[in-house]
Amino acid sequence: MRLTILSRSKTIPSTRRMVEAARERGHQVSVINPVKVELHLGPRGAALSYQRKPLPLPDVAIPRVAHSVASYGLAVVDQLQLLGTHLMNGARAIGRARSSVRCLQRLIAAGVPVPATVMARDAKDLKQMVSLVGGVPVLVKLLVGHERRGVMVCETLTSLKAALEAVIGLGHNLVLQEYVRARSTDVRVLVVGGQALAAVRRQPRTGTLRRSLFTGARLEAVELTPAFRSAAEKAARVSELEVCAVDMLDADAGPKVFEVNPSPALPEMEQATGVDLAGAIITRAEALFEGKAKAVAHG
């Protein structure tokens, strides 16, 4: 199988793990920086080149498109699909997952429990926004357009005001979500090919704006209960993602999905759980490729 991972660098830990797993299974694997791919569209159809040379099409591509290059990177993903490459995650599904509110809208329409959420253009009515999600603590996301630019947990209204003071004037959209004070943790479940494989509980640092709750968090493996398994697998299915991490609040009424991540970090979760998650992703890529090959043979 010819496998391509769309990633800024082969030195990124999650990318490196998938390269190792693919090579251990005897596959040809390459890492392609999506911003260095050139898209060609015209009377002769569609084509791709990489660093001015024609790009050989892989059998399967695993997109790991960074937020900073999402617009261009997802166009590359679409072009690969147009040319017949099987994708672990499609561009439309990745784009929806990256938009916090669109993702939640899709989940709630499918009956997936989500936390109380408020989206606003600015923080002028901060106290009212907080009351609508049940009071502090709250999970706060800052958005530019539909792209998330940071996330934090704030335990008090005072700390929330202080944290936002420096960014309120930048014109970012704000998303506030309920958080669970009693546990002050959330659960991340990795789903591959519709199957929940492992779960970790995360203890995030509070009051500091970060790229992700995952940054600087302490992880510990937890039992994948039927409730968390069911919620994670349904969220992945609704999101139409082959590979994703589903982040949930551990609420008294049951798990509530607050985010679906289409490019989850792997090494830290592998270390915490002892599960070969990179290997599971490559195994799923093999199954997709074999299924496609059989379909062509019987076509």
Protein backbone atom coordinates (compact mmCIF):
# COMPACT_ATOMS: atom_id res chain seq x y z
CA MET A 1 0.00 0.00 0.00
CA ARG A 2 1.22 3.49 -0.88
CA LEU A 3 0.38 5.79 2.02
CA THR A 4 0.74 9.57 2.24
CA ILE A 5 0.47 11.57 5.45
CA LEU A 6 -0.37 15.23 4.89
CA SER A 7 1.61 16.97 7.62
CA ARG A 8 3.87 20.00 7.97
CA SER A 9 6.82 17.85 9.04
CA LYS A 10 7.76 14.22 9.54
CA THR A 11 9.31 15.24 12.88
CA ILE A 12 5.93 16.01 14.44
CA PRO A 13 5.49 13.25 17.06
CA SER A 14 2.10 11.99 15.87
CA THR A 15 3.24 11.98 12.25
CA ARG A 16 6.43 10.16 13.19
CA ARG A 17 4.46 7.48 15.04
CA MET A 18 2.26 6.78 12.01
CA VAL A 19 5.30 6.61 9.73
CA GLU A 20 6.89 4.07 12.08
CA ALA A 21 3.71 2.01 12.24
CA ALA A 22 3.29 2.00 8.45
CA ARG A 23 6.89 0.97 7.79
CA GLU A 24 6.69 -1.81 10.38
CA ARG A 25 3.86 -3.24 8.27
CA GLY A 26 5.88 -2.99 5.05
CA HIS A 27 4.05 -0.08 3.44
CA GLN A 28 5.50 2.72 1.33
CA VAL A 29 4.88 5.91 3.27
CA SER A 30 5.67 9.54 2.53
CA VAL A 31 5.06 12.75 4.46
CA ILE A 32 3.91 15.67 2.29
CA ASN A 33 3.65 19.25 3.50
CA PRO A 34 0.27 20.36 2.06
CA VAL A 35 1.36 23.97 1.53
CA LYS A 36 4.05 22.77 -0.88
CA VAL A 37 1.53 20.94 -3.04
CA GLU A 38 0.40 22.69 -6.22
CA LEU A 39 -3.14 22.19 -7.50
CA HIS A 40 -3.79 22.03 -11.23
CA LEU A 41 -7.27 22.38 -12.71
CA GLY A 42 -8.09 22.83 -16.37
CA PRO A 43 -9.42 21.33 -19.60
CA ARG A 44 -7.35 18.19 -19.06
CA GLY A 45 -8.80 17.65 -15.60
CA ALA A 46 -7.16 17.79 -12.19
CA ALA A 47 -3.57 17.07 -11.20
CA LEU A 48 -1.14 17.61 -8.33
CA SER A 49 2.53 18.46 -8.14
CA TYR A 50 4.90 18.68 -5.20
CA GLN A 51 7.85 21.03 -5.26
CA ARG A 52 7.38 21.46 -9.04
CA LYS A 53 7.32 17.71 -9.75
CA PRO A 54 4.27 15.53 -10.53
CA LEU A 55 2.96 14.01 -7.31
CA PRO A 56 2.41 10.23 -7.49
CA LEU A 57 -1.02 9.47 -6.11
CA PRO A 58 -1.12 7.35 -2.94
CA ASP A 59 -3.63 4.58 -2.33
CA VAL A 60 -4.64 6.15 0.99
CA ALA A 61 -3.98 9.59 2.48
CA ILE A 62 -4.13 10.54 6.16
CA PRO A 63 -4.73 14.30 6.50
CA ARG A 64 -3.08 16.03 9.46
CA VAL A 65 -3.84 19.56 8.30
CA ALA A 66 -2.85 22.28 10.78
CA HIS A 67 -5.23 25.11 11.69
CA SER A 68 -2.79 27.66 10.28
CA VAL A 69 -3.01 26.21 6.75
CA ALA A 70 -6.53 24.77 6.90
CA SER A 71 -7.96 26.60 3.88
CA TYR A 72 -5.19 25.54 1.49
CA GLY A 73 -4.63 22.17 3.12
CA LEU A 74 -8.26 21.14 2.81
CA ALA A 75 -8.23 22.12 -0.87
CA VAL A 76 -5.36 19.64 -1.28
CA VAL A 77 -7.40 16.98 0.52
CA ASP A 78 -10.34 17.63 -1.82
CA GLN A 79 -8.06 17.35 -4.87
CA LEU A 80 -6.72 14.00 -3.70
CA GLN A 81 -10.26 12.71 -3.31
CA LEU A 82 -11.16 14.06 -6.75
CA LEU A 83 -8.28 12.05 -8.20
CA GLY A 84 -9.39 8.81 -6.56
CA THR A 85 -7.27 8.62 -3.40
CA HIS A 86 -9.02 7.13 -0.42
CA LEU A 87 -9.03 9.52 2.54
CA MET A 88 -9.04 8.63 6.20
CA ASN A 89 -10.80 11.96 6.84
CA GLY A 90 -12.47 14.03 4.12
CA ALA A 91 -12.06 17.79 3.77
CA ARG A 92 -15.72 18.58 4.46
CA ALA A 93 -15.75 16.49 7.64
CA ILE A 94 -12.51 18.08 8.87
CA GLY A 95 -13.85 21.57 8.18
CA ARG A 96 -17.06 20.91 10.09
CA ALA A 97 -15.19 19.45 13.06
CA ARG A 98 -12.88 22.48 13.16
CA SER A 99 -15.86 24.83 13.52
CA SER A 100 -16.92 24.53 17.16
CA VAL A 101 -20.51 25.66 16.69
CA ARG A 102 -21.13 23.85 13.39
CA CYS A 103 -19.83 20.66 14.98
CA LEU A 104 -22.15 21.02 17.97
CA GLN A 105 -25.10 21.87 15.73
CA ARG A 106 -24.58 18.66 13.79
CA LEU A 107 -24.19 16.59 16.95
CA ILE A 108 -27.27 17.95 18.68
CA ALA A 109 -29.36 17.43 15.53
CA ALA A 110 -28.37 13.76 15.70
CA GLY A 111 -29.29 13.46 19.38
CA VAL A 112 -25.74 13.49 20.77
CA PRO A 113 -25.69 15.20 24.22
CA VAL A 114 -23.62 18.40 24.24
CA PRO A 115 -22.87 20.96 26.97
CA ALA A 116 -24.82 24.21 27.31
CA THR A 117 -23.09 26.56 24.86
CA VAL A 118 -23.26 30.27 24.03
CA MET A 119 -21.56 31.97 21.08
CA ALA A 120 -21.18 35.74 20.94
CA ARG A 121 -19.28 38.35 18.97
CA ASP A 122 -17.80 40.04 22.03
CA ALA A 123 -17.76 39.83 25.82
CA LYS A 124 -19.89 42.86 26.68
CA ASP A 125 -22.56 40.69 28.29
CA LEU A 126 -20.09 38.31 29.88
CA LYS A 127 -22.05 37.79 33.10
CA GLN A 128 -25.24 36.92 31.21
CA MET A 129 -23.31 34.56 28.92
CA VAL A 130 -21.89 32.75 31.93
CA SER A 131 -25.32 32.43 33.54
CA LEU A 132 -26.74 30.84 30.39
CA VAL A 133 -24.26 27.96 30.65
CA GLY A 134 -24.87 27.40 34.36
CA GLY A 135 -22.25 29.68 35.90
CA VAL A 136 -18.53 29.22 36.44
CA PRO A 137 -16.39 27.29 35.86
CA VAL A 138 -16.67 27.67 32.10
CA LEU A 139 -14.79 26.45 29.07
CA VAL A 140 -13.90 29.40 26.83
CA LYS A 141 -12.89 29.24 23.17
CA LEU A 142 -11.71 32.17 21.09
CA LEU A 143 -12.51 31.99 17.38
CA VAL A 144 -11.38 33.85 14.29
CA GLY A 145 -14.05 33.11 11.71
CA HIS A 146 -14.74 29.44 12.31
CA GLU A 147 -11.20 28.53 13.37
CA ARG A 148 -10.39 28.02 17.03
CA ARG A 149 -7.47 30.13 18.22
CA GLY A 150 -7.33 29.20 21.89
CA VAL A 151 -9.15 27.50 24.73
CA MET A 152 -9.10 27.85 28.51
CA VAL A 153 -10.92 26.83 31.66
CA CYS A 154 -11.84 29.65 34.06
CA GLU A 155 -12.98 28.85 37.59
CA THR A 156 -14.31 32.30 38.56
CA LEU A 157 -15.89 35.29 36.83
CA THR A 158 -12.96 37.43 37.99
CA SER A 159 -10.37 35.14 36.43
CA LEU A 160 -12.45 34.98 33.25
CA LYS A 161 -12.56 38.78 32.95
CA ALA A 162 -8.84 39.04 33.58
CA ALA A 163 -8.01 36.35 31.02
CA LEU A 164 -10.13 37.95 28.31
CA GLU A 165 -9.10 41.55 28.94
CA ALA A 166 -6.18 41.40 26.54
CA VAL A 167 -8.13 39.83 23.68
CA ILE A 168 -11.61 41.35 23.83
CA GLY A 169 -10.59 44.21 21.55
CA LEU A 170 -9.34 41.92 18.80
CA GLY A 171 -12.79 41.16 17.41
CA HIS A 172 -12.73 37.43 18.11
CA ASN A 173 -15.91 35.42 18.44
CA LEU A 174 -16.35 33.80 21.84
CA VAL A 175 -17.79 30.41 22.68
CA LEU A 176 -18.61 29.66 26.33
CA GLN A 177 -19.52 26.15 27.45
CA GLU A 178 -20.55 24.61 30.72
CA TYR A 179 -17.83 22.81 32.62
CA VAL A 180 -18.01 20.36 35.52
CA ARG A 181 -16.68 21.81 38.77
CA ALA A 182 -16.90 18.62 40.80
CA ARG A 183 -14.56 16.68 38.53
CA SER A 184 -12.64 19.53 36.86
CA THR A 185 -11.59 17.00 34.23
CA ASP A 186 -12.75 15.80 30.87
CA VAL A 187 -12.46 12.53 29.00
CA ARG A 188 -10.91 12.03 25.57
CA VAL A 189 -11.77 8.93 23.57
CA LEU A 190 -9.89 7.99 20.41
CA VAL A 191 -12.08 6.52 17.68
CA VAL A 192 -10.71 4.76 14.59
CA GLY A 193 -12.95 3.27 11.92
CA GLY A 194 -16.03 3.77 14.08
CA GLN A 195 -14.55 1.88 17.05
CA ALA A 196 -13.61 3.54 20.35
CA LEU A 197 -10.16 2.22 21.23
CA ALA A 198 -8.92 4.01 24.35
CA ALA A 199 -9.87 6.71 26.82
CA VAL A 200 -7.95 9.12 29.03
CA ARG A 201 -9.01 11.57 31.69
CA ARG A 202 -7.36 14.97 31.43
CA GLN A 203 -6.60 17.49 34.17
CA PRO A 204 -6.20 20.80 32.30
CA ARG A 205 -4.44 23.88 33.62
CA THR A 206 -6.94 26.58 34.46
CA GLY A 207 -7.12 30.30 33.73
CA THR A 208 -4.51 30.38 30.96
CA LEU A 209 -5.24 30.79 27.27
CA ARG A 210 -3.86 27.77 25.41
CA ARG A 211 -4.03 26.26 21.97
CA SER A 212 -5.78 23.22 23.37
CA LEU A 213 -6.92 21.74 26.66
CA PHE A 214 -4.51 18.96 25.79
CA THR A 215 -1.53 21.29 26.14
CA GLY A 216 0.08 20.85 29.54
CA ALA A 217 -2.64 18.49 30.75
CA ARG A 218 -1.97 15.46 32.92
CA LEU A 219 -3.35 12.27 31.37
CA GLU A 220 -4.42 9.04 33.00
CA ALA A 221 -6.01 6.02 31.38
CA VAL A 222 -9.64 5.35 32.33
CA GLU A 223 -12.06 2.55 31.68
CA LEU A 224 -13.96 2.95 28.43
CA THR A 225 -17.47 2.62 29.87
CA PRO A 226 -20.46 1.76 27.67
CA ALA A 227 -21.78 5.33 27.99
CA PHE A 228 -18.53 6.94 26.87
CA ARG A 229 -18.00 4.33 24.15
CA SER A 230 -21.48 4.87 22.73
CA ALA A 231 -21.25 8.68 22.81
CA ALA A 232 -17.80 8.74 21.22
CA GLU A 233 -18.66 6.32 18.44
CA LYS A 234 -21.89 8.13 17.63
CA ALA A 235 -20.09 11.51 17.57
CA ALA A 236 -17.45 10.12 15.20
CA ARG A 237 -20.12 8.61 12.95
CA VAL A 238 -22.16 11.83 12.84
CA SER A 239 -18.97 13.79 12.11
CA GLU A 240 -18.10 11.35 9.28
CA LEU A 241 -14.53 10.96 10.53
CA GLU A 242 -12.50 7.77 10.28
CA VAL A 243 -9.98 9.04 12.84
CA CYS A 244 -10.80 11.47 15.63
CA ALA A 245 -10.63 12.19 19.32
CA VAL A 246 -13.97 12.88 20.97
CA ASP A 247 -13.73 15.16 24.01
CA MET A 248 -16.51 14.89 26.59
CA LEU A 249 -17.53 16.27 29.93
CA ASP A 250 -17.98 13.66 32.63
CA ALA A 251 -21.33 15.03 33.79
CA ASP A 252 -23.75 13.54 36.34
CA ALA A 253 -26.35 13.04 33.61
CA GLY A 254 -23.84 11.20 31.41
CA PRO A 255 -21.14 12.20 28.91
CA LYS A 256 -21.58 15.42 26.93
CA VAL A 257 -19.50 15.93 23.78
CA PHE A 258 -17.90 19.36 23.57
CA GLU A 259 -15.41 18.82 20.74
CA VAL A 260 -14.42 16.40 17.98
CA ASN A 261 -10.76 16.65 16.98
CA PRO A 262 -9.88 15.31 13.49
CA SER A 263 -6.08 15.40 14.08
CA PRO A 264 -5.54 14.18 17.65
CA ALA A 265 -2.12 13.87 19.25
CA LEU A 266 -1.10 10.22 19.57
CA PRO A 267 2.13 9.66 21.58
CA GLU A 268 0.90 11.03 24.91
CA MET A 269 -2.30 9.02 24.72
CA GLU A 270 -0.41 5.89 23.69
CA GLN A 271 1.91 6.33 26.64
CA ALA A 272 -0.97 6.77 29.08
CA THR A 273 -3.05 3.84 27.80
CA GLY A 274 -0.48 1.40 26.40
CA VAL A 275 -2.58 1.07 23.23
CA ASP A 276 -0.88 1.16 19.81
CA LEU A 277 -3.11 3.88 18.36
CA ALA A 278 -0.84 4.67 15.39
CA GLY A 279 -0.89 0.99 14.46
CA ALA A 280 -4.69 0.96 14.66
CA ILE A 281 -4.88 3.90 12.23
CA ILE A 282 -2.63 2.10 9.73
CA THR A 283 -4.67 -1.09 10.13
CA ARG A 284 -7.81 0.89 9.28
CA ALA A 285 -6.07 2.40 6.23
CA GLU A 286 -5.25 -1.16 5.10
CA ALA A 287 -8.89 -2.18 5.45
CA LEU A 288 -10.09 0.80 3.45
CA PHE A 289 -7.54 0.11 0.71
CA GLU A 290 -8.41 -3.58 0.54
CA GLY A 291 -12.12 -2.76 0.39
CA LYS A 292 -11.54 -0.33 -2.44
CA ALA A 293 -9.39 -2.85 -4.33
CA LYS A 294 -12.10 -5.51 -4.02
CA ALA A 295 -14.75 -3.06 -5.23
CA VAL A 296 -12.66 -2.25 -8.32
CA ALA A 297 -12.02 -5.93 -8.99
CA HIS A 298 -15.75 -6.69 -8.89
CA GLY A 299 -16.74 -3.53 -10.71
